[in-house]
Protein backbone atom coordinates (compact mmCIF):
# COMPACT_ATOMS: atom_id res chain seq x y z
CA GLU A 1 97.64 89.46 103.52
CA SER A 2 97.44 93.22 103.06
CA TYR A 3 100.87 93.21 101.55
CA ARG A 4 99.85 90.50 98.98
CA MET A 5 96.91 92.81 98.00
CA LEU A 6 99.24 95.94 97.80
CA VAL A 7 101.82 93.85 95.71
CA SER A 8 99.15 92.66 93.26
CA ALA A 9 97.56 95.99 92.86
CA LEU A 10 100.53 98.08 92.32
CA PRO A 11 101.37 97.18 88.56
CA LEU A 12 97.51 96.93 87.83
CA CYS A 13 96.49 100.30 89.58
CA GLY A 14 97.00 102.33 86.38
CA ASN A 15 98.79 105.12 88.17
CA GLN A 16 102.02 105.18 86.26
CA ASN A 17 102.60 108.75 87.81
CA LEU A 18 102.98 107.15 91.61
CA ARG A 19 105.55 109.64 93.06
CA VAL A 20 105.68 108.82 96.75
CA LEU A 21 105.20 105.35 98.49
CA CYS A 22 105.50 105.21 102.33
CA LEU A 23 105.63 101.57 103.93
CA GLY A 24 107.27 102.76 107.18
CA ASN A 25 107.05 100.88 110.54
CA SER A 26 104.96 97.95 108.89
CA LYS A 27 106.85 94.86 110.16
CA MET A 28 107.59 94.10 106.51
CA THR A 29 110.19 91.23 105.88
CA ASP A 30 112.56 91.08 103.03
CA ALA A 31 110.49 88.82 100.79
CA VAL A 32 107.67 91.09 100.90
CA ALA A 33 109.91 94.09 100.10
CA VAL A 34 111.49 92.22 97.13
CA ASP A 35 108.15 91.56 95.64
CA ILE A 36 107.05 95.23 96.16
CA LEU A 37 110.26 96.42 94.59
CA ALA A 38 109.58 94.24 91.54
CA SER A 39 106.08 95.41 91.20
CA LEU A 40 107.29 99.14 91.45
CA GLN A 41 109.63 98.99 88.44
CA CYS A 42 106.61 99.84 86.09
CA HIS A 43 106.16 103.20 88.16
CA ARG A 44 108.78 105.23 86.13
CA TYR A 45 108.14 108.37 88.10
CA LEU A 46 108.35 107.07 91.66
CA GLU A 47 110.57 109.81 93.55
CA VAL A 48 110.23 108.90 97.09
CA LEU A 49 110.29 105.38 98.71
CA LEU A 50 110.20 105.21 102.43
CA MET A 51 110.79 101.69 104.03
CA TYR A 52 112.00 102.68 107.66
CA GLY A 53 111.45 100.81 110.62
CA ASN A 54 110.89 97.35 109.13
CA GLN A 55 113.01 94.21 109.25
CA LEU A 56 114.88 94.62 105.96
CA SER A 57 118.27 93.26 105.54
CA ASP A 58 121.14 93.77 102.90
CA SER A 59 119.13 91.70 100.12
CA THR A 60 116.29 94.65 100.10
CA ALA A 61 119.11 97.11 99.39
CA GLN A 62 120.46 95.14 96.71
CA GLU A 63 117.03 94.78 95.01
CA LEU A 64 116.63 98.62 95.52
CA VAL A 65 119.76 99.21 93.52
CA LYS A 66 118.55 96.83 90.75
CA MET A 67 115.33 98.61 90.61
CA LYS A 68 117.06 101.97 90.34
CA ALA A 69 119.31 100.68 87.74
CA ALA A 70 115.93 99.87 85.75
CA ASN A 71 115.59 103.79 85.33
CA VAL A 72 113.14 104.30 88.10
CA SER A 73 113.16 108.14 89.08
CA LEU A 74 114.16 107.63 92.66
CA LYS A 75 115.42 110.48 94.43
CA LEU A 76 115.05 109.68 98.03
CA VAL A 77 115.16 106.23 99.79
CA SER A 78 114.67 105.64 103.53
CA LEU A 79 115.93 102.48 105.00
CA MET A 80 116.39 103.67 108.49
CA ASP A 81 115.81 101.44 111.46
CA ASN A 82 115.97 98.20 109.71
CA GLN A 83 118.54 95.28 109.73
CA LEU A 84 121.16 96.29 107.08
CA THR A 85 124.76 95.66 107.85
CA VAL A 86 127.82 98.16 107.35
CA ALA A 87 128.62 96.26 103.96
CA GLY A 88 125.10 96.37 102.68
CA ILE A 89 124.96 100.18 103.67
CA GLU A 90 128.26 100.96 102.04
CA HIS A 91 127.17 98.98 98.80
CA LEU A 92 123.87 101.15 98.66
CA LEU A 93 125.73 104.49 99.24
CA GLU A 94 128.35 103.49 96.45
CA SER A 95 125.37 102.58 94.21
CA SER A 96 123.44 105.86 95.09
CA ASN A 97 126.29 107.86 93.71
CA VAL A 98 126.34 106.00 90.51
CA MET A 99 122.53 106.05 90.28
CA SER A 100 122.19 109.88 91.04
CA MET A 101 120.00 109.60 93.83
CA ASP A 102 119.64 112.73 95.88
CA ARG A 103 119.23 111.27 99.43
CA VAL A 104 119.67 107.74 101.04
CA TRP A 105 118.79 107.61 104.48
CA VAL A 106 119.98 104.61 106.50
CA GLY A 107 120.59 105.70 110.13
CA GLY A 108 119.55 103.58 112.97
CA ASN A 109 120.68 100.20 111.37
CA PRO A 110 122.81 97.79 113.90
C-alpha cells in the first residue's frame, strides 16, 4: 500500500528538483520498481537512485536504462543485493557507458 502511495505522489509532488531517492532494503518487487521508474521520468534532476537490497531482476535494470535514455540526470545508481543475472548486469553496465552515468553499483547479486 505504501508503494502505491509513493508512486501516485511522485509525479504530483511538484518537486521537479528531486535529486536523491533511496528505496533500499524495502522488499520491493519488479512491478513496483517499474511503476516507480515510470513516475520518476518527470524528475529531470534526479542524480542518485538507490534501490539496493530488494528483489529486483533484469527487467528493472532494463527499465532503468529506458528511464535514463529519457534524459534523467542520473549519475549514480545502486542495484546491489538484488536478483540481477550476469547478462542483466552486463547490459546495465554497457548502457551506463553510453548514458554517461558516473557510478553503477551492482555487487552482491547472484
